[in-house]
């Protein structure tokens, strides 16, 4: 099974507005807002203004690529995080390109309140690579970086109990905040003064 994260955001002034609930819950459509056409992106017809060369493979290319890999659609699961809910869903319709959006219809497999989602998954966007992107693969081949995220998805989707073989695996099941707190507590128990271990910052430290 392949897992993906789709962030649906609209830029309004300097703010990015989370539109996941509107599109996934209300419209049942997975979409990205991209100014170029599907043909331009998939055939690398869009050139970078800085060097006049075609853009490298992007999040948009990956998103457009999934509908054309028919043999893999059934094995692709996507998650999106709204303001209060996390959605797990699959593609069921063909890729559509309109003046408003580029996307496809979806079937929601699970809809869970964020407060009931394992923290390692609900805070997945704290990873800048995933959070700032539009469409990313949660790739288990990338070391064990996403081990906890995938285990959390499978737990929510299938009720599959976590199989942890080593202590190291347990660490990868912690969210960044939980891991940070654990390290701080270890230092604290060894007599060190830890002024901030809940995601805070100290200037010039």
C-alpha atoms as a PDB file:
ATOM      1  CA  UNK A   1       0.000   0.000   0.000  1.00  0.00           C
ATOM      2  CA  UNK A   2       1.217   3.516  -0.810  1.00  0.00           C
ATOM      3  CA  UNK A   3       0.338   6.461   1.439  1.00  0.00           C
ATOM      4  CA  UNK A   4       0.180  10.142   0.530  1.00  0.00           C
ATOM      5  CA  UNK A   5      -0.483  13.450   2.273  1.00  0.00           C
ATOM      6  CA  UNK A   6      -2.523  16.110   0.460  1.00  0.00           C
ATOM      7  CA  UNK A   7      -2.583  19.657   1.817  1.00  0.00           C
ATOM      8  CA  UNK A   8      -5.385  21.782   0.343  1.00  0.00           C
ATOM      9  CA  UNK A   9      -4.639  25.433   0.996  1.00  0.00           C
ATOM     10  CA  UNK A  10      -5.635  28.717  -0.611  1.00  0.00           C
ATOM     11  CA  UNK A  11      -3.478  31.795  -0.382  1.00  0.00           C
ATOM     12  CA  UNK A  12      -5.431  34.803   0.923  1.00  0.00           C
ATOM     13  CA  UNK A  13      -3.109  37.735   1.262  1.00  0.00           C
ATOM     14  CA  UNK A  14      -0.264  36.597   3.494  1.00  0.00           C
ATOM     15  CA  UNK A  15      -2.286  33.775   5.012  1.00  0.00           C
ATOM     16  CA  UNK A  16      -2.722  30.181   3.870  1.00  0.00           C
ATOM     17  CA  UNK A  17      -6.279  29.012   4.508  1.00  0.00           C
ATOM     18  CA  UNK A  18      -6.886  25.308   5.163  1.00  0.00           C
ATOM     19  CA  UNK A  19      -9.619  24.197   2.717  1.00  0.00           C
ATOM     20  CA  UNK A  20      -9.539  20.450   3.426  1.00  0.00           C
ATOM     21  CA  UNK A  21     -12.977  20.285   5.068  1.00  0.00           C
ATOM     22  CA  UNK A  22     -14.570  22.231   2.216  1.00  0.00           C
ATOM     23  CA  UNK A  23     -13.202  20.004  -0.548  1.00  0.00           C
ATOM     24  CA  UNK A  24     -12.807  16.569   1.026  1.00  0.00           C
ATOM     25  CA  UNK A  25     -15.833  16.536   3.334  1.00  0.00           C
ATOM     26  CA  UNK A  26     -18.313  18.746   1.471  1.00  0.00           C
ATOM     27  CA  UNK A  27     -17.378  18.214  -2.187  1.00  0.00           C
ATOM     28  CA  UNK A  28     -15.685  14.797  -2.056  1.00  0.00           C
ATOM     29  CA  UNK A  29     -12.973  16.069  -4.360  1.00  0.00           C
ATOM     30  CA  UNK A  30      -9.211  15.927  -3.880  1.00  0.00           C
ATOM     31  CA  UNK A  31      -7.722  18.957  -5.574  1.00  0.00           C
ATOM     32  CA  UNK A  32      -4.710  21.180  -5.927  1.00  0.00           C
ATOM     33  CA  UNK A  33      -4.784  24.798  -7.011  1.00  0.00           C
ATOM     34  CA  UNK A  34      -2.153  25.080  -9.720  1.00  0.00           C
ATOM     35  CA  UNK A  35      -2.046  27.802 -12.349  1.00  0.00           C
ATOM     36  CA  UNK A  36      -0.574  25.586 -15.083  1.00  0.00           C
ATOM     37  CA  UNK A  37      -2.484  22.955 -17.031  1.00  0.00           C
ATOM     38  CA  UNK A  38      -2.064  19.237 -16.470  1.00  0.00           C
ATOM     39  CA  UNK A  39      -0.522  18.879 -19.924  1.00  0.00           C
ATOM     40  CA  UNK A  40       2.024  21.600 -19.202  1.00  0.00           C
ATOM     41  CA  UNK A  41       3.084  20.016 -15.937  1.00  0.00           C
ATOM     42  CA  UNK A  42       3.165  16.362 -16.991  1.00  0.00           C
ATOM     43  CA  UNK A  43       5.086  17.156 -20.144  1.00  0.00           C
ATOM     44  CA  UNK A  44       7.418  19.643 -18.451  1.00  0.00           C
ATOM     45  CA  UNK A  45       6.331  22.519 -20.681  1.00  0.00           C
ATOM     46  CA  UNK A  46       6.499  25.014 -17.804  1.00  0.00           C
ATOM     47  CA  UNK A  47       9.883  26.697 -17.589  1.00  0.00           C
ATOM     48  CA  UNK A  48      11.606  28.256 -14.643  1.00  0.00           C
ATOM     49  CA  UNK A  49      11.937  32.018 -15.165  1.00  0.00           C
ATOM     50  CA  UNK A  50      15.395  32.031 -13.595  1.00  0.00           C
ATOM     51  CA  UNK A  51      17.115  29.628 -15.992  1.00  0.00           C
ATOM     52  CA  UNK A  52      14.501  29.034 -18.722  1.00  0.00           C
ATOM     53  CA  UNK A  53      14.654  25.290 -18.060  1.00  0.00           C
ATOM     54  CA  UNK A  54      11.669  23.020 -17.365  1.00  0.00           C
ATOM     55  CA  UNK A  55      10.735  22.682 -13.702  1.00  0.00           C
ATOM     56  CA  UNK A  56      11.909  19.563 -11.944  1.00  0.00           C
ATOM     57  CA  UNK A  57       9.385  16.923 -10.905  1.00  0.00           C
ATOM     58  CA  UNK A  58       7.084  18.613  -8.384  1.00  0.00           C
ATOM     59  CA  UNK A  59       4.217  17.879  -6.027  1.00  0.00           C
ATOM     60  CA  UNK A  60       1.836  18.749  -8.862  1.00  0.00           C
ATOM     61  CA  UNK A  61       3.472  16.205 -11.174  1.00  0.00           C
ATOM     62  CA  UNK A  62       3.116  13.524  -8.508  1.00  0.00           C
ATOM     63  CA  UNK A  63      -0.549  14.410  -7.964  1.00  0.00           C
ATOM     64  CA  UNK A  64      -1.296  14.372 -11.700  1.00  0.00           C
ATOM     65  CA  UNK A  65       0.631  11.143 -12.145  1.00  0.00           C
ATOM     66  CA  UNK A  66      -1.489   9.003  -9.794  1.00  0.00           C
ATOM     67  CA  UNK A  67      -4.665   8.968 -11.964  1.00  0.00           C
ATOM     68  CA  UNK A  68      -2.690   7.656 -14.934  1.00  0.00           C
ATOM     69  CA  UNK A  69      -1.146   4.758 -13.031  1.00  0.00           C
ATOM     70  CA  UNK A  70      -4.344   2.709 -13.052  1.00  0.00           C
ATOM     71  CA  UNK A  71      -2.701  -0.356 -11.612  1.00  0.00           C
ATOM     72  CA  UNK A  72      -1.699   1.608  -8.518  1.00  0.00           C
ATOM     73  CA  UNK A  73      -4.881   3.561  -7.807  1.00  0.00           C
ATOM     74  CA  UNK A  74      -6.312   0.708  -5.747  1.00  0.00           C
ATOM     75  CA  UNK A  75      -3.125   0.616  -3.700  1.00  0.00           C
ATOM     76  CA  UNK A  76      -3.005   4.350  -3.012  1.00  0.00           C
ATOM     77  CA  UNK A  77      -4.407   5.852   0.197  1.00  0.00           C
ATOM     78  CA  UNK A  78      -4.392   9.593   0.821  1.00  0.00           C
ATOM     79  CA  UNK A  79      -4.752  11.507   4.065  1.00  0.00           C
ATOM     80  CA  UNK A  80      -5.671  15.157   4.589  1.00  0.00           C
ATOM     81  CA  UNK A  81      -5.923  17.087   7.841  1.00  0.00           C
ATOM     82  CA  UNK A  82      -8.701  19.634   8.180  1.00  0.00           C
ATOM     83  CA  UNK A  83      -9.352  22.072  11.000  1.00  0.00           C
ATOM     84  CA  UNK A  84     -10.912  19.460  13.289  1.00  0.00           C
ATOM     85  CA  UNK A  85     -10.927  16.185  11.343  1.00  0.00           C
ATOM     86  CA  UNK A  86      -8.449  13.844   9.690  1.00  0.00           C
ATOM     87  CA  UNK A  87      -9.658  12.151   6.484  1.00  0.00           C
ATOM     88  CA  UNK A  88      -8.389   8.908   4.974  1.00  0.00           C
ATOM     89  CA  UNK A  89      -9.637   8.312   1.435  1.00  0.00           C
ATOM     90  CA  UNK A  90      -9.074   6.807  -2.011  1.00  0.00           C
ATOM     91  CA  UNK A  91      -9.487   8.070  -5.546  1.00  0.00           C
ATOM     92  CA  UNK A  92     -12.598   6.801  -7.376  1.00  0.00           C
ATOM     93  CA  UNK A  93     -13.006   9.191 -10.304  1.00  0.00           C
ATOM     94  CA  UNK A  94     -10.922  10.290 -13.262  1.00  0.00           C
ATOM     95  CA  UNK A  95      -8.761  13.388 -13.158  1.00  0.00           C
ATOM     96  CA  UNK A  96     -10.812  16.503 -13.980  1.00  0.00           C
ATOM     97  CA  UNK A  97      -9.504  19.883 -15.060  1.00  0.00           C
ATOM     98  CA  UNK A  98     -11.809  22.899 -14.720  1.00  0.00           C
ATOM     99  CA  UNK A  99     -11.395  26.640 -14.323  1.00  0.00           C
ATOM    100  CA  UNK A 100     -11.837  26.196 -10.568  1.00  0.00           C
ATOM    101  CA  UNK A 101      -9.695  23.164  -9.812  1.00  0.00           C
ATOM    102  CA  UNK A 102      -7.717  20.156 -10.974  1.00  0.00           C
ATOM    103  CA  UNK A 103      -8.551  16.977  -9.109  1.00  0.00           C
ATOM    104  CA  UNK A 104     -10.604  13.809  -8.819  1.00  0.00           C
ATOM    105  CA  UNK A 105     -13.544  12.433  -6.870  1.00  0.00           C
ATOM    106  CA  UNK A 106     -12.774  10.445  -3.765  1.00  0.00           C
ATOM    107  CA  UNK A 107     -14.306   7.931  -1.406  1.00  0.00           C
ATOM    108  CA  UNK A 108     -13.758   8.649   2.282  1.00  0.00           C
ATOM    109  CA  UNK A 109     -12.638   5.499   4.096  1.00  0.00           C
ATOM    110  CA  UNK A 110     -12.312   6.991   7.569  1.00  0.00           C
ATOM    111  CA  UNK A 111     -13.101  10.338   9.148  1.00  0.00           C
ATOM    112  CA  UNK A 112     -11.630  10.827  12.624  1.00  0.00           C
ATOM    113  CA  UNK A 113     -11.619  13.754  15.035  1.00  0.00           C
ATOM    114  CA  UNK A 114      -8.059  14.986  15.361  1.00  0.00           C
ATOM    115  CA  UNK A 115      -8.129  14.601  19.151  1.00  0.00           C
ATOM    116  CA  UNK A 116      -8.486  10.822  18.655  1.00  0.00           C
ATOM    117  CA  UNK A 117      -5.659  10.558  16.110  1.00  0.00           C
ATOM    118  CA  UNK A 118      -2.238   9.362  17.374  1.00  0.00           C
ATOM    119  CA  UNK A 119      -0.090  12.443  17.893  1.00  0.00           C
ATOM    120  CA  UNK A 120       2.622  11.194  15.550  1.00  0.00           C
ATOM    121  CA  UNK A 121       0.080  11.399  12.709  1.00  0.00           C
ATOM    122  CA  UNK A 122      -1.964  14.445  13.725  1.00  0.00           C
ATOM    123  CA  UNK A 123       1.251  16.492  13.899  1.00  0.00           C
ATOM    124  CA  UNK A 124       2.725  15.100  10.682  1.00  0.00           C
ATOM    125  CA  UNK A 125       2.784  18.567   9.113  1.00  0.00           C
ATOM    126  CA  UNK A 126       5.341  19.713  11.679  1.00  0.00           C
ATOM    127  CA  UNK A 127       7.730  18.008   9.261  1.00  0.00           C
ATOM    128  CA  UNK A 128       8.537  20.978   7.006  1.00  0.00           C
ATOM    129  CA  UNK A 129       9.015  18.773   3.940  1.00  0.00           C
ATOM    130  CA  UNK A 130       5.458  17.468   4.303  1.00  0.00           C
ATOM    131  CA  UNK A 131       3.803  20.527   5.817  1.00  0.00           C
ATOM    132  CA  UNK A 132       4.950  23.081   3.267  1.00  0.00           C
ATOM    133  CA  UNK A 133       4.339  20.846   0.294  1.00  0.00           C
ATOM    134  CA  UNK A 134       1.093  20.226  -1.550  1.00  0.00           C
ATOM    135  CA  UNK A 135       1.186  16.500  -2.258  1.00  0.00           C
ATOM    136  CA  UNK A 136       3.808  14.206  -0.772  1.00  0.00           C
ATOM    137  CA  UNK A 137       4.379  10.494  -0.535  1.00  0.00           C
ATOM    138  CA  UNK A 138       4.737   9.189   3.009  1.00  0.00           C
ATOM    139  CA  UNK A 139       7.531   6.929   1.921  1.00  0.00           C
ATOM    140  CA  UNK A 140       8.666   4.060   4.184  1.00  0.00           C
ATOM    141  CA  UNK A 141      11.737   3.682   1.978  1.00  0.00           C
ATOM    142  CA  UNK A 142      13.033   6.929   3.437  1.00  0.00           C
ATOM    143  CA  UNK A 143      14.679   5.159   6.346  1.00  0.00           C
ATOM    144  CA  UNK A 144      12.316   4.795   9.298  1.00  0.00           C
ATOM    145  CA  UNK A 145      11.325   8.449   9.260  1.00  0.00           C
ATOM    146  CA  UNK A 146       7.661   7.692   8.559  1.00  0.00           C
ATOM    147  CA  UNK A 147       7.365   4.348  10.361  1.00  0.00           C
ATOM    148  CA  UNK A 148       5.155   5.797  13.111  1.00  0.00           C
ATOM    149  CA  UNK A 149       2.971   7.716  10.651  1.00  0.00           C
ATOM    150  CA  UNK A 150       2.260   4.617   8.572  1.00  0.00           C
ATOM    151  CA  UNK A 151       1.597   2.490  11.655  1.00  0.00           C
ATOM    152  CA  UNK A 152      -0.879   5.144  12.855  1.00  0.00           C
ATOM    153  CA  UNK A 153      -2.685   5.211   9.480  1.00  0.00           C
ATOM    154  CA  UNK A 154      -2.977   1.423   9.422  1.00  0.00           C
ATOM    155  CA  UNK A 155      -4.223   1.413  13.010  1.00  0.00           C
ATOM    156  CA  UNK A 156      -6.965   3.932  12.184  1.00  0.00           C
ATOM    157  CA  UNK A 157      -7.841   2.337   8.861  1.00  0.00           C
ATOM    158  CA  UNK A 158      -7.759  -1.354   9.685  1.00  0.00           C
ATOM    159  CA  UNK A 159      -7.655  -1.481  13.484  1.00  0.00           C
ATOM    160  CA  UNK A 160      -4.255  -3.057  12.986  1.00  0.00           C
ATOM    161  CA  UNK A 161      -2.328  -3.276  16.237  1.00  0.00           C
ATOM    162  CA  UNK A 162       1.131  -1.816  16.216  1.00  0.00           C
ATOM    163  CA  UNK A 163       3.880  -4.400  15.843  1.00  0.00           C
ATOM    164  CA  UNK A 164       6.998  -2.983  17.421  1.00  0.00           C
ATOM    165  CA  UNK A 165      10.083  -5.174  17.408  1.00  0.00           C
ATOM    166  CA  UNK A 166      12.706  -2.876  18.889  1.00  0.00           C
ATOM    167  CA  UNK A 167      13.030   0.075  21.244  1.00  0.00           C
ATOM    168  CA  UNK A 168      14.155   2.131  18.250  1.00  0.00           C
ATOM    169  CA  UNK A 169      10.794   1.459  16.585  1.00  0.00           C
ATOM    170  CA  UNK A 170       9.033   2.854  19.648  1.00  0.00           C
ATOM    171  CA  UNK A 171      10.995   6.093  19.252  1.00  0.00           C
ATOM    172  CA  UNK A 172       9.827   6.442  15.653  1.00  0.00           C
ATOM    173  CA  UNK A 173       6.240   6.163  16.910  1.00  0.00           C
ATOM    174  CA  UNK A 174       6.630   9.355  18.932  1.00  0.00           C
ATOM    175  CA  UNK A 175       5.643  12.734  17.537  1.00  0.00           C
ATOM    176  CA  UNK A 176       8.379  15.358  17.372  1.00  0.00           C
ATOM    177  CA  UNK A 177       6.936  17.035  20.476  1.00  0.00           C
ATOM    178  CA  UNK A 178       6.788  13.759  22.416  1.00  0.00           C
ATOM    179  CA  UNK A 179      10.354  12.887  21.395  1.00  0.00           C
ATOM    180  CA  UNK A 180      11.590  16.344  22.374  1.00  0.00           C
ATOM    181  CA  UNK A 181       9.872  16.071  25.758  1.00  0.00           C
ATOM    182  CA  UNK A 182      11.338  12.596  26.335  1.00  0.00           C
ATOM    183  CA  UNK A 183      14.883  13.838  25.723  1.00  0.00           C
ATOM    184  CA  UNK A 184      14.301  16.837  27.994  1.00  0.00           C
ATOM    185  CA  UNK A 185      12.967  14.599  30.766  1.00  0.00           C
ATOM    186  CA  UNK A 186      15.992  12.301  30.494  1.00  0.00           C
ATOM    187  CA  UNK A 187      18.315  15.290  30.958  1.00  0.00           C
ATOM    188  CA  UNK A 188      16.124  16.615  33.772  1.00  0.00           C
ATOM    189  CA  UNK A 189      16.272  13.307  35.650  1.00  0.00           C
ATOM    190  CA  UNK A 190      20.054  13.419  35.384  1.00  0.00           C
ATOM    191  CA  UNK A 191      20.191  16.747  37.200  1.00  0.00           C
ATOM    192  CA  UNK A 192      20.269  19.181  34.283  1.00  0.00           C
ATOM    193  CA  UNK A 193      18.135  22.328  34.206  1.00  0.00           C
ATOM    194  CA  UNK A 194      15.871  22.257  31.146  1.00  0.00           C
ATOM    195  CA  UNK A 195      14.147  25.645  30.778  1.00  0.00           C
ATOM    196  CA  UNK A 196      11.882  24.787  27.836  1.00  0.00           C
ATOM    197  CA  UNK A 197      10.923  21.334  26.624  1.00  0.00           C
ATOM    198  CA  UNK A 198       7.498  21.912  25.142  1.00  0.00           C
ATOM    199  CA  UNK A 199       8.412  23.366  21.778  1.00  0.00           C
ATOM    200  CA  UNK A 200       9.500  26.758  23.086  1.00  0.00           C
ATOM    201  CA  UNK A 201      12.479  28.833  22.011  1.00  0.00           C
ATOM    202  CA  UNK A 202      15.134  30.712  23.916  1.00  0.00           C
ATOM    203  CA  UNK A 203      16.821  33.608  22.122  1.00  0.00           C
ATOM    204  CA  UNK A 204      20.551  33.273  21.429  1.00  0.00           C
ATOM    205  CA  UNK A 205      20.644  29.766  22.885  1.00  0.00           C
END
